[in-house]
Every structure is written in C-alpha cells, then in structure tokens.
C-alpha cells in the first residue's frame, strides 16, 4: 500500500491476553491442571457440570491474579463477584463459563514498554479478570468429525485487557513481550504461546488522523506467536484502509488469522454483551480480599523486569542494550544479579553471561537452570582476568570449557593445573622480550625507522614463546621500552 495513503490513517489497537495459570488444580474444582495428559483424563462431575455439583474457587489462582494486578500497577478489588457467561460452547460441557463481569479483580493499571528509539510508553490496562478455560476441539487431517478433549475445560485463566493505546504492530509486540516477561517472573504462567498457555486476540480499527471517534473494531483470533500477532495487525490495518479508501464500510466481526498466507478471513459477526446473557453465578459466594491477604501477596512479589532494568543501568552502570538482554529471561536475570553481587566488575559479568554462558546454553538447547557452573565460578574467572593472571581469550577458550566438564573444580586450581596462568614476572618477561628482538634484528631496524605497526608482530612472537601466557599489558609495555631504546 502506498505510504501516502496509509499515513492518512491512525490505527487503534487493543489486546486481550489470556494466560493459563500454573496451579495444580483447576479454577473451580480439584481436577488436575496438567498439560499433555491423555485426552479427557483430568475430568470430574464438577468440570462436566453435572446437576447438584458445586464449584469452589481456587485460592492460588486468586493470588496469581492479584500478583499480576500488582505487577501491572492495577487497583485490586476487595469485593469480587463471579458471573455466568452464556453461549454455545462445544468444548465446555456446562454450556456456560464462570467468569467475572462487572467486578474484575484488577482494574485501571498500566505497563511500560520500551521502544526502538529508547523512549518509553505507557499502555493502559483496563481490567484483569479471572475465569475458566474451555476444552479443545481438534480436527484431524482428512477427517470430517470433530474430536473434543475436555482436559483444558476449567483450567484457570486470567484475561488481561489493554486500553486501545497501541498504535502499531511494533508497540503490540513490545506490549506482549512485557506481559510475557511479567507472568514468567511472577511464576504464574509459562508464557508458551505454541502450547496455548498464553493466547492473544487483537482488536483493531483505523480512523482518519485528527478524527475524534474510533473506527469500526474488528477482532482477530488464532495467533500462536508474537510475530503472527504483528503480521495479523499489519495485514488488518492495510485491509481496513483499503476498504475505506474504496468507499466501503467495515463490519464489526471476528476474523481468523492464517499464518500460511499472512491474511485474515471473516468467521462470524461480533457478539454484543447482551448475547452473553451475563448474570451472577448463583453457586459461588462473593470473594472478599482482606488487607492481610493483599499484604501477604504484595510482600511475596519478586523483583520485576523494570525494577531490574533500573538497577542494572543505574547502580551497576550497564548500557540500556545490555540490561534489556539480561532481563529478557527471568532465570538469566537472576543468575546475572547473583554474579554481579560476587564481583565489582559488572560489565565483565554481563559480557560473560551474554557471551560464553548464553552461547553454551543456545548450542545445547538448555535453560539457565541447567547451566552447570554456579555464579561464584564465573566470578572466579573474572577475578583472574582482572588480576592479570589470565587473559580473556585463554579464559573463554580453555579454562571455561574445562570447568564446564569439571563443574566442582576450583577455578584458580584448574588454571594452574592447565598451565594457563600468565607470566607476570617482569624480570623473566624482559629476558623473553630480548630474545624476540635478538631473533628479529631486521624488523627491529624497520620499527626504529618508523614502522610502528610492527609492534603487533613482536607481540605475536612473544606470545608464541610464552605459550600465550605473557601478561599482555606488561609484555606490551616492556616491548615498547626495549624497541624505543636508541
């Protein structure tokens, strides 16, 4: 689409994120909450909605919702009611969903996203409410029948509804990244979009710039990755603009995203709230959150990404880029924070975590929890380098691999055993420098005639002579002193 046409319009985007909670049991029953169990295995008469059965609220799920609310700067509602949301669910046996309607447990919050130019933007959070998931309908290739696995029915969810503050696909990506980090740092959801534990629907409209009224909203579903959310938003913005530019009108509808074609297709007209026939859930009493309970949940919150970012860039003096990389994964951030507490050289600590440590993990498809070396051993390597006893190249290529194979070895002892400690005796080094110069009289003459670039050659010869164990700083200083002597 021509950029001059596209620039006439302002996209308006709001996201609805469903996060499955990592509780042991379901939202309103004691059925197991387990991904990957045999189909229709984690079921009871409560999940199936048999007459005479009564639901009961999962306390841990409530605490997880409160944690997310506090992490997103929301108000926490003290008096909560549950509601029934009615429409035909082929994969929810009760035929209705127990959710929250007018009393979401969290409301009026925000998250802060960091944009490509380094600036920040607040995205408002309208509400976070608790509900239960539906089961899963499956269509096997070549089969006309629909199979239903009800294991997921009743699994605890929170739905995080943003304000329509997002203006492009990149901001949507940044917002989703922040939400994923928060649920993972809080330990309430694994954030796996491929397995469906984190799901996103996008509400998208466009309006002429300067207009005071939003355009017709379209909801897009079936996006199983952050990249596909970006693609769906980008496609839908251009589709809506093209319809309006051609003189057409947009329908309020639900559309599905096809990852193979990168396009959206209409599925059904958008329901209104009246279609859901909300009414208070008669089988659940009001949920009251006391001051004491809220205080306990608040006190148990871990350090969150934005707090760590501020500490890493402020107290530890890291760059914005380094801090952003380190906080991307909770376990990596925690490992680095421990390492930084064991060495005064925070930059070196960051370089080791982002370099050799992450390379080792990525090459073997391991998580930070599976890394064999504790932070104290990496701190020991950094100390040896800072003391001039070993250089980074030797440490990363020889000492680090050895320690990975011998994770309980003493760092200094391993360096000594491998013969890696640098020669830092000035008298011995001076003698070796003289040997190098005596062996290359022509090059010495060239250097003294003005060819100063030969310093590198002399350093290379010295390193060969010492097996790479000469202290580079001291060796360079001694070389220059000898070469500059008339």
Protein backbone atom coordinates (compact mmCIF):
# COMPACT_ATOMS: atom_id res chain seq x y z
CA UNK A 1 0.00 0.00 0.00
CA UNK A 2 1.20 3.49 -0.87
CA UNK A 3 2.63 5.14 2.24
CA UNK A 4 0.90 8.43 1.42
CA UNK A 5 -2.49 6.71 1.72
CA UNK A 6 -1.52 4.75 4.83
CA UNK A 7 -0.24 7.89 6.56
CA UNK A 8 -3.72 9.47 6.41
CA UNK A 9 -4.99 6.96 8.98
CA UNK A 10 -4.34 6.26 12.65
CA UNK A 11 -4.55 2.61 13.72
CA UNK A 12 -6.10 1.97 17.14
CA UNK A 13 -5.28 -1.37 18.75
CA UNK A 14 -6.23 -3.08 21.99
CA UNK A 15 -5.09 -6.55 23.02
CA UNK A 16 -6.83 -9.23 25.08
CA UNK A 17 -4.33 -11.70 26.51
CA UNK A 18 -5.44 -14.96 28.13
CA UNK A 19 -2.86 -16.54 30.45
CA UNK A 20 -3.32 -20.06 31.78
CA UNK A 21 -2.30 -20.17 35.42
CA UNK A 22 0.24 -22.67 36.75
CA UNK A 23 -1.94 -24.03 39.54
CA UNK A 24 -2.03 -27.71 40.46
CA UNK A 25 -5.81 -27.89 40.10
CA UNK A 26 -8.50 -26.23 38.02
CA UNK A 27 -10.28 -22.95 38.68
CA UNK A 28 -13.42 -24.32 40.33
CA UNK A 29 -12.62 -27.98 41.02
CA UNK A 30 -9.86 -30.25 42.28
CA UNK A 31 -9.27 -31.79 38.84
CA UNK A 32 -5.62 -31.78 37.85
CA UNK A 33 -4.32 -28.91 35.75
CA UNK A 34 -1.81 -30.81 33.62
CA UNK A 35 -0.75 -30.13 30.05
CA UNK A 36 -0.23 -33.20 27.87
CA UNK A 37 -2.35 -35.69 29.84
CA UNK A 38 -4.33 -38.34 27.98
CA UNK A 39 -7.44 -36.82 26.36
CA UNK A 40 -10.45 -36.46 28.64
CA UNK A 41 -8.46 -37.75 31.59
CA UNK A 42 -8.49 -34.79 34.01
CA UNK A 43 -12.24 -34.60 34.48
CA UNK A 44 -14.81 -34.84 37.25
CA UNK A 45 -18.55 -34.27 37.56
CA UNK A 46 -17.85 -30.67 38.64
CA UNK A 47 -15.98 -29.84 35.43
CA UNK A 48 -18.68 -31.65 33.46
CA UNK A 49 -21.37 -29.58 35.17
CA UNK A 50 -23.48 -32.43 36.46
CA UNK A 51 -26.64 -31.42 38.34
CA UNK A 52 -26.13 -30.99 42.08
CA UNK A 53 -22.39 -30.31 41.85
CA UNK A 54 -20.95 -27.11 43.30
CA UNK A 55 -17.83 -25.18 42.20
CA UNK A 56 -15.24 -23.81 44.62
CA UNK A 57 -12.77 -21.00 43.88
CA UNK A 58 -9.08 -21.92 43.63
CA UNK A 59 -7.30 -19.73 46.21
CA UNK A 60 -3.93 -19.95 44.45
CA UNK A 61 -5.49 -18.76 41.18
CA UNK A 62 -6.86 -15.71 43.03
CA UNK A 63 -3.41 -14.94 44.43
CA UNK A 64 -1.86 -15.29 40.96
CA UNK A 65 -4.41 -12.80 39.59
CA UNK A 66 -3.59 -10.40 42.42
CA UNK A 67 0.13 -10.71 41.68
CA UNK A 68 -0.42 -9.81 38.05
CA UNK A 69 -2.58 -6.88 39.06
CA UNK A 70 0.09 -5.54 41.41
CA UNK A 71 2.80 -6.06 38.77
CA UNK A 72 0.76 -4.02 36.26
CA UNK A 73 0.04 -1.16 38.68
CA UNK A 74 -3.66 -2.05 38.96
CA UNK A 75 -6.12 -1.40 41.75
CA UNK A 76 -7.17 -4.63 43.48
CA UNK A 77 -10.91 -5.05 44.02
CA UNK A 78 -11.75 -6.16 47.55
CA UNK A 79 -15.34 -7.40 46.93
CA UNK A 80 -15.49 -9.74 43.96
CA UNK A 81 -18.47 -11.42 42.33
CA UNK A 82 -18.48 -14.18 39.74
CA UNK A 83 -20.79 -14.34 36.75
CA UNK A 84 -22.05 -16.85 34.22
CA UNK A 85 -21.30 -16.07 30.60
CA UNK A 86 -23.72 -17.95 28.37
CA UNK A 87 -23.30 -19.00 24.79
CA UNK A 88 -22.83 -22.26 22.95
CA UNK A 89 -19.51 -23.82 23.89
CA UNK A 90 -19.00 -27.11 22.03
CA UNK A 91 -16.00 -27.79 24.28
CA UNK A 92 -17.27 -26.56 27.69
CA UNK A 93 -19.77 -29.15 28.95
CA UNK A 94 -21.68 -26.82 31.29
CA UNK A 95 -22.73 -24.64 28.36
CA UNK A 96 -21.58 -21.53 30.21
CA UNK A 97 -18.34 -20.11 31.54
CA UNK A 98 -17.80 -18.92 35.11
CA UNK A 99 -16.02 -15.58 34.81
CA UNK A 100 -16.12 -12.05 36.18
CA UNK A 101 -18.27 -9.42 34.53
CA UNK A 102 -18.74 -6.10 36.31
CA UNK A 103 -16.26 -6.76 39.12
CA UNK A 104 -12.84 -7.67 37.63
CA UNK A 105 -10.36 -8.39 40.39
CA UNK A 106 -7.81 -5.90 38.92
CA UNK A 107 -8.53 -2.64 37.10
CA UNK A 108 -7.08 0.72 35.97
CA UNK A 109 -3.42 -0.25 35.62
CA UNK A 110 -0.65 0.11 33.07
CA UNK A 111 2.57 -1.40 31.78
CA UNK A 112 5.54 0.45 30.37
CA UNK A 113 7.10 -0.63 27.10
CA UNK A 114 10.49 0.36 25.75
CA UNK A 115 10.54 1.40 22.11
CA UNK A 116 13.26 1.04 19.48
CA UNK A 117 14.45 4.63 19.91
CA UNK A 118 14.94 4.11 23.66
CA UNK A 119 11.83 6.03 24.70
CA UNK A 120 9.11 4.50 26.87
CA UNK A 121 5.34 4.46 26.53
CA UNK A 122 2.61 3.50 28.97
CA UNK A 123 -0.09 1.12 27.76
CA UNK A 124 -3.18 1.20 29.96
CA UNK A 125 -4.70 -1.93 31.46
CA UNK A 126 -8.50 -1.74 31.55
CA UNK A 127 -9.03 -4.88 33.63
CA UNK A 128 -7.74 -8.29 34.61
CA UNK A 129 -10.41 -10.83 35.45
CA UNK A 130 -10.47 -14.50 36.43
CA UNK A 131 -12.29 -17.19 34.50
CA UNK A 132 -12.05 -20.79 33.34
CA UNK A 133 -10.80 -22.11 30.03
CA UNK A 134 -12.82 -24.17 27.56
CA UNK A 135 -11.79 -27.56 26.22
CA UNK A 136 -10.10 -28.06 22.88
CA UNK A 137 -11.72 -29.03 19.59
CA UNK A 138 -9.46 -30.93 17.21
CA UNK A 139 -9.79 -31.65 13.52
CA UNK A 140 -7.56 -34.40 12.19
CA UNK A 141 -6.30 -34.23 8.60
CA UNK A 142 -8.72 -35.92 6.22
CA UNK A 143 -11.39 -36.41 8.89
CA UNK A 144 -14.75 -34.66 8.84
CA UNK A 145 -15.54 -35.36 12.51
CA UNK A 146 -14.52 -33.00 15.31
CA UNK A 147 -12.81 -34.53 18.34
CA UNK A 148 -13.10 -32.84 21.72
CA UNK A 149 -10.54 -33.04 24.54
CA UNK A 150 -12.07 -31.63 27.73
CA UNK A 151 -8.88 -31.71 29.84
CA UNK A 152 -8.45 -27.97 29.35
CA UNK A 153 -12.04 -27.24 30.41
CA UNK A 154 -11.95 -25.49 33.78
CA UNK A 155 -8.24 -24.61 33.70
CA UNK A 156 -7.70 -21.25 35.48
CA UNK A 157 -7.26 -18.20 33.28
CA UNK A 158 -6.71 -14.53 33.73
CA UNK A 159 -7.73 -12.25 30.88
CA UNK A 160 -5.62 -9.09 30.62
CA UNK A 161 -7.46 -6.42 28.64
CA UNK A 162 -5.50 -3.39 27.47
CA UNK A 163 -6.79 0.07 26.74
CA UNK A 164 -6.84 0.96 23.00
CA UNK A 165 -3.49 2.74 23.46
CA UNK A 166 -1.44 0.73 20.95
CA UNK A 167 -0.83 2.44 17.64
CA UNK A 168 1.18 -0.03 15.53
CA UNK A 169 2.33 -3.64 15.31
CA UNK A 170 5.72 -2.92 16.90
CA UNK A 171 4.06 -1.46 20.01
CA UNK A 172 1.82 -4.53 20.17
CA UNK A 173 4.91 -6.76 20.06
CA UNK A 174 6.56 -4.74 22.82
CA UNK A 175 3.44 -4.92 24.99
CA UNK A 176 3.11 -8.69 24.57
CA UNK A 177 6.80 -9.15 25.35
CA UNK A 178 6.34 -7.21 28.59
CA UNK A 179 3.24 -9.21 29.56
CA UNK A 180 5.07 -12.49 28.89
CA UNK A 181 8.04 -11.40 30.99
CA UNK A 182 5.76 -10.41 33.86
CA UNK A 183 3.85 -13.71 34.01
CA UNK A 184 7.14 -15.63 33.83
CA UNK A 185 8.86 -13.51 36.51
CA UNK A 186 5.81 -13.92 38.77
CA UNK A 187 5.80 -17.69 38.14
CA UNK A 188 2.08 -17.71 37.32
CA UNK A 189 2.24 -18.82 33.65
CA UNK A 190 4.93 -20.33 31.44
CA UNK A 191 4.07 -17.92 28.61
CA UNK A 192 4.16 -20.63 25.93
CA UNK A 193 2.03 -19.42 23.01
CA UNK A 194 2.72 -22.58 20.99
CA UNK A 195 1.07 -24.72 23.69
CA UNK A 196 -1.72 -22.20 24.16
CA UNK A 197 -0.87 -21.19 27.72
CA UNK A 198 -0.62 -17.58 26.51
CA UNK A 199 -3.14 -16.53 23.86
CA UNK A 200 -3.82 -13.15 22.30
CA UNK A 201 -6.78 -11.61 20.49
CA UNK A 202 -6.31 -8.22 18.81
CA UNK A 203 -9.00 -5.57 18.47
CA UNK A 204 -8.06 -3.36 15.53
CA UNK A 205 -9.64 -0.30 13.96
CA UNK A 206 -8.46 2.66 11.88
CA UNK A 207 -9.60 6.26 11.77
CA UNK A 208 -8.54 9.35 9.89
CA UNK A 209 -5.88 11.29 11.74
CA UNK A 210 -7.48 14.11 13.71
CA UNK A 211 -10.84 12.33 13.97
CA UNK A 212 -12.47 12.27 17.41
CA UNK A 213 -14.23 8.92 17.01
CA UNK A 214 -12.72 5.45 16.70
CA UNK A 215 -13.44 3.38 13.60
CA UNK A 216 -15.29 0.05 13.48
CA UNK A 217 -13.48 -2.54 15.58
CA UNK A 218 -12.53 -5.94 14.23
CA UNK A 219 -11.29 -8.77 16.46
CA UNK A 220 -8.58 -11.10 15.14
CA UNK A 221 -8.02 -14.54 16.70
CA UNK A 222 -5.91 -17.68 16.14
CA UNK A 223 -2.44 -16.16 16.54
CA UNK A 224 0.09 -18.52 18.11
CA UNK A 225 3.21 -16.34 18.20
CA UNK A 226 4.18 -12.73 18.81
CA UNK A 227 5.37 -12.48 15.21
CA UNK A 228 1.98 -13.65 13.94
CA UNK A 229 0.27 -11.01 16.08
CA UNK A 230 2.46 -8.42 14.32
CA UNK A 231 1.65 -9.87 10.90
CA UNK A 232 -2.09 -10.01 11.57
CA UNK A 233 -2.16 -6.39 12.77
CA UNK A 234 -0.16 -5.17 9.78
CA UNK A 235 -2.43 -7.03 7.34
CA UNK A 236 -5.64 -5.92 9.02
CA UNK A 237 -4.60 -2.24 9.09
CA UNK A 238 -3.98 -2.27 5.34
CA UNK A 239 -7.16 -4.25 4.64
CA UNK A 240 -9.33 -1.82 6.59
CA UNK A 241 -7.73 1.23 4.97
CA UNK A 242 -8.24 -0.31 1.51
CA UNK A 243 -11.95 -0.91 2.22
CA UNK A 244 -12.46 2.67 3.43
CA UNK A 245 -10.48 4.17 0.55
CA UNK A 246 -12.70 2.25 -1.90
CA UNK A 247 -15.80 3.79 -0.30
CA UNK A 248 -16.84 0.67 1.56
CA UNK A 249 -17.84 0.12 5.19
CA UNK A 250 -16.35 -2.20 7.76
CA UNK A 251 -18.32 -4.80 9.69
CA UNK A 252 -17.79 -5.46 13.38
CA UNK A 253 -16.72 -9.06 13.16
CA UNK A 254 -14.39 -11.76 14.40
CA UNK A 255 -11.71 -12.78 11.93
CA UNK A 256 -9.19 -15.62 11.98
CA UNK A 257 -5.53 -15.30 11.04
CA UNK A 258 -3.97 -17.71 8.54
CA UNK A 259 -0.23 -17.91 9.24
CA UNK A 260 0.44 -19.60 5.90
CA UNK A 261 -0.92 -16.69 3.86
CA UNK A 262 -0.44 -13.89 6.41
CA UNK A 263 -4.05 -12.84 5.91
CA UNK A 264 -7.26 -12.68 7.96
CA UNK A 265 -10.66 -14.08 6.99
CA UNK A 266 -14.12 -13.40 8.40
CA UNK A 267 -15.53 -16.00 10.80
CA UNK A 268 -18.64 -14.52 12.39
CA UNK A 269 -20.29 -11.23 13.26
CA UNK A 270 -19.13 -9.85 16.62
CA UNK A 271 -21.31 -10.70 19.56
CA UNK A 272 -22.60 -7.94 21.80
CA UNK A 273 -22.54 -8.17 25.59
CA UNK A 274 -26.27 -8.89 25.55
CA UNK A 275 -25.62 -12.08 23.58
CA UNK A 276 -23.69 -13.49 26.53
CA UNK A 277 -26.60 -13.05 28.99
CA UNK A 278 -24.33 -12.40 31.98
CA UNK A 279 -25.89 -12.94 35.38
CA UNK A 280 -24.41 -13.50 38.86
CA UNK A 281 -23.07 -17.02 39.43
CA UNK A 282 -25.55 -18.47 42.00
CA UNK A 283 -23.23 -21.25 43.22
CA UNK A 284 -20.33 -19.03 44.34
CA UNK A 285 -20.44 -16.55 47.23
CA UNK A 286 -18.72 -13.14 46.97
CA UNK A 287 -14.92 -13.31 47.21
CA UNK A 288 -13.59 -10.87 49.81
CA UNK A 289 -9.91 -9.88 49.74
CA UNK A 290 -8.74 -8.69 53.15
CA UNK A 291 -5.96 -6.22 53.89
CA UNK A 292 -3.90 -9.03 55.41
CA UNK A 293 -4.26 -11.26 52.35
CA UNK A 294 -3.35 -8.46 49.94
CA UNK A 295 -0.33 -7.53 52.11
CA UNK A 296 0.91 -11.16 52.04
CA UNK A 297 0.67 -11.32 48.25
CA UNK A 298 2.39 -7.95 47.82
CA UNK A 299 5.23 -8.96 50.17
CA UNK A 300 5.85 -12.14 48.13
CA UNK A 301 6.38 -10.34 44.82
CA UNK A 302 9.81 -10.92 43.24
CA UNK A 303 11.95 -8.21 41.65
CA UNK A 304 10.26 -7.44 38.33
CA UNK A 305 11.84 -6.66 34.92
CA UNK A 306 11.54 -2.87 35.09
CA UNK A 307 12.99 -2.82 38.63
CA UNK A 308 15.94 -4.93 37.50
CA UNK A 309 16.42 -2.76 34.40
CA UNK A 310 16.61 0.35 36.60
CA UNK A 311 19.11 -1.34 38.93
CA UNK A 312 21.28 -2.74 36.14
CA UNK A 313 21.51 0.58 34.27
CA UNK A 314 21.67 2.76 37.39
CA UNK A 315 23.52 1.04 40.24
CA UNK A 316 25.60 -1.27 38.00
CA UNK A 317 26.14 1.17 35.13
CA UNK A 318 25.21 -1.18 32.29
CA UNK A 319 24.04 0.07 28.92
CA UNK A 320 20.36 0.05 28.03
CA UNK A 321 21.04 -2.72 25.50
CA UNK A 322 22.87 -4.97 27.98
CA UNK A 323 20.22 -4.52 30.65
CA UNK A 324 17.45 -5.26 28.14
CA UNK A 325 19.10 -8.52 27.06
CA UNK A 326 19.74 -9.63 30.65
CA UNK A 327 16.17 -9.05 31.88
CA UNK A 328 14.58 -10.79 28.90
CA UNK A 329 14.53 -14.11 30.78
CA UNK A 330 13.92 -14.37 34.50
CA UNK A 331 16.50 -17.10 35.17
CA UNK A 332 19.21 -15.26 33.21
CA UNK A 333 18.48 -12.02 35.10
CA UNK A 334 18.64 -13.83 38.44
CA UNK A 335 21.93 -15.55 37.54
CA UNK A 336 23.45 -12.24 36.47
CA UNK A 337 22.22 -10.49 39.63
CA UNK A 338 23.92 -13.17 41.74
CA UNK A 339 27.10 -12.92 39.68
CA UNK A 340 27.12 -9.12 39.93
CA UNK A 341 26.95 -9.41 43.72
CA UNK A 342 30.16 -11.51 43.67
CA UNK A 343 32.34 -9.25 41.51
CA UNK A 344 32.88 -5.48 41.29
CA UNK A 345 33.21 -5.77 37.51
CA UNK A 346 29.52 -5.69 36.44
CA UNK A 347 30.36 -5.10 32.76
CA UNK A 348 32.56 -8.19 32.65
CA UNK A 349 29.82 -10.16 34.40
CA UNK A 350 27.30 -9.02 31.77
CA UNK A 351 29.69 -9.91 28.94
CA UNK A 352 30.23 -13.41 30.31
CA UNK A 353 26.51 -14.08 30.75
CA UNK A 354 25.56 -12.68 27.34
CA UNK A 355 28.58 -14.27 25.64
CA UNK A 356 30.08 -17.64 26.63
CA UNK A 357 27.28 -18.62 29.03
CA UNK A 358 24.37 -17.98 26.64
CA UNK A 359 26.30 -19.45 23.70
CA UNK A 360 26.79 -22.67 25.66
CA UNK A 361 23.08 -22.82 26.51
CA UNK A 362 21.90 -21.99 22.99
CA UNK A 363 24.18 -24.55 21.32
CA UNK A 364 22.75 -27.30 23.54
CA UNK A 365 19.16 -26.02 23.78
CA UNK A 366 19.46 -25.80 27.57
CA UNK A 367 17.84 -23.44 30.05
CA UNK A 368 19.70 -21.30 32.57
CA UNK A 369 18.63 -23.69 35.32
CA UNK A 370 20.59 -26.43 33.54
CA UNK A 371 23.84 -24.46 33.35
CA UNK A 372 26.47 -26.50 35.24
CA UNK A 373 28.55 -23.65 36.74
CA UNK A 374 27.38 -21.55 39.66
CA UNK A 375 27.88 -17.80 39.63
CA UNK A 376 30.84 -17.99 42.03
CA UNK A 377 32.90 -19.87 39.44
CA UNK A 378 32.29 -17.26 36.73
CA UNK A 379 33.18 -14.61 39.32
CA UNK A 380 36.42 -16.51 39.92
CA UNK A 381 37.28 -16.40 36.23
CA UNK A 382 36.60 -12.65 36.10
CA UNK A 383 38.83 -12.14 39.14
CA UNK A 384 41.72 -13.98 37.50
CA UNK A 385 41.36 -11.79 34.39
CA UNK A 386 41.10 -8.57 36.39
CA UNK A 387 44.21 -9.50 38.38
CA UNK A 388 46.14 -10.04 35.14
CA UNK A 389 46.71 -13.72 35.88
CA UNK A 390 44.93 -14.89 32.72
CA UNK A 391 43.60 -13.17 29.62
CA UNK A 392 40.02 -13.33 28.34
CA UNK A 393 40.86 -15.34 25.23
CA UNK A 394 42.55 -18.12 27.19
CA UNK A 395 39.84 -18.00 29.87
CA UNK A 396 36.97 -18.37 27.41
CA UNK A 397 38.62 -20.91 25.10
CA UNK A 398 40.45 -23.14 27.60
CA UNK A 399 39.52 -22.54 31.24
CA UNK A 400 35.76 -22.13 30.72
CA UNK A 401 35.35 -25.36 28.68
CA UNK A 402 37.42 -27.27 31.26
CA UNK A 403 35.23 -26.03 34.11
CA UNK A 404 32.09 -26.99 32.21
CA UNK A 405 33.39 -30.56 32.16
CA UNK A 406 34.56 -30.35 35.80
CA UNK A 407 31.88 -28.13 37.46
CA UNK A 408 33.16 -28.67 41.01
CA UNK A 409 36.78 -27.77 40.24
CA UNK A 410 38.46 -24.80 41.91
CA UNK A 411 38.91 -22.03 39.34
CA UNK A 412 42.46 -20.98 40.30
CA UNK A 413 43.49 -24.59 40.80
CA UNK A 414 42.16 -25.52 37.35
CA UNK A 415 44.04 -22.62 35.74
CA UNK A 416 47.27 -23.72 37.45
CA UNK A 417 46.71 -27.37 36.51
CA UNK A 418 46.21 -26.42 32.86
CA UNK A 419 49.25 -24.13 32.92
CA UNK A 420 47.20 -21.11 31.92
CA UNK A 421 48.35 -18.54 34.46
CA UNK A 422 50.15 -15.66 32.78
CA UNK A 423 53.84 -14.89 33.26
CA UNK A 424 53.85 -11.61 35.13
CA UNK A 425 57.40 -11.68 36.48
CA UNK A 426 58.94 -8.53 34.99
CA UNK A 427 62.49 -9.87 35.01
CA UNK A 428 61.58 -13.12 33.24
CA UNK A 429 59.40 -11.33 30.70
CA UNK A 430 62.13 -8.78 29.97
CA UNK A 431 64.52 -11.62 29.14
CA UNK A 432 61.97 -13.19 26.78
CA UNK A 433 61.31 -9.84 25.09
CA UNK A 434 65.04 -9.50 24.45
CA UNK A 435 65.09 -13.00 22.90
CA UNK A 436 62.33 -11.95 20.45
CA UNK A 437 64.20 -8.77 19.48
CA UNK A 438 67.53 -10.59 19.08
CA UNK A 439 65.84 -13.09 16.75
CA UNK A 440 64.41 -10.33 14.51
CA UNK A 441 67.11 -7.63 14.06
CA UNK A 442 65.83 -6.54 10.61
CA UNK A 443 62.30 -5.96 11.95
CA UNK A 444 63.73 -4.03 14.89
CA UNK A 445 65.53 -1.75 12.46
CA UNK A 446 62.32 -1.23 10.46
CA UNK A 447 60.42 -0.35 13.65
CA UNK A 448 63.06 2.16 14.72
CA UNK A 449 62.93 3.63 11.21
CA UNK A 450 59.25 4.48 11.77
CA UNK A 451 57.25 1.33 11.06
CA UNK A 452 55.46 1.30 14.42
CA UNK A 453 52.82 -1.21 13.21
CA UNK A 454 55.39 -3.98 13.77
CA UNK A 455 54.56 -3.92 17.47
CA UNK A 456 51.81 -6.48 16.79
CA UNK A 457 54.26 -8.84 15.13
CA UNK A 458 56.64 -8.65 18.09
CA UNK A 459 53.72 -9.31 20.50
CA UNK A 460 52.71 -12.33 18.45
CA UNK A 461 56.23 -13.75 18.59
CA UNK A 462 56.39 -13.15 22.32
CA UNK A 463 53.08 -14.90 22.87
CA UNK A 464 54.31 -17.88 20.85
CA UNK A 465 57.43 -18.02 23.00
CA UNK A 466 55.38 -17.94 26.23
CA UNK A 467 52.57 -20.19 25.02
CA UNK A 468 50.15 -17.26 25.24
CA UNK A 469 50.77 -16.87 28.96
CA UNK A 470 52.55 -13.50 29.00
CA UNK A 471 50.65 -10.69 30.72
CA UNK A 472 49.65 -8.64 27.62
CA UNK A 473 49.79 -5.27 29.36
CA UNK A 474 53.19 -5.85 30.93
CA UNK A 475 54.55 -7.51 27.80
CA UNK A 476 53.44 -4.61 25.59
CA UNK A 477 54.99 -2.08 27.96
CA UNK A 478 58.34 -3.96 28.07
CA UNK A 479 58.35 -4.39 24.28
CA UNK A 480 57.87 -0.66 23.64
CA UNK A 481 60.56 0.24 26.18
CA UNK A 482 63.08 -2.08 24.51
CA UNK A 483 62.14 -1.06 20.95
CA UNK A 484 62.26 2.67 21.70
CA UNK A 485 65.74 2.46 23.16
CA UNK A 486 68.19 4.09 20.74
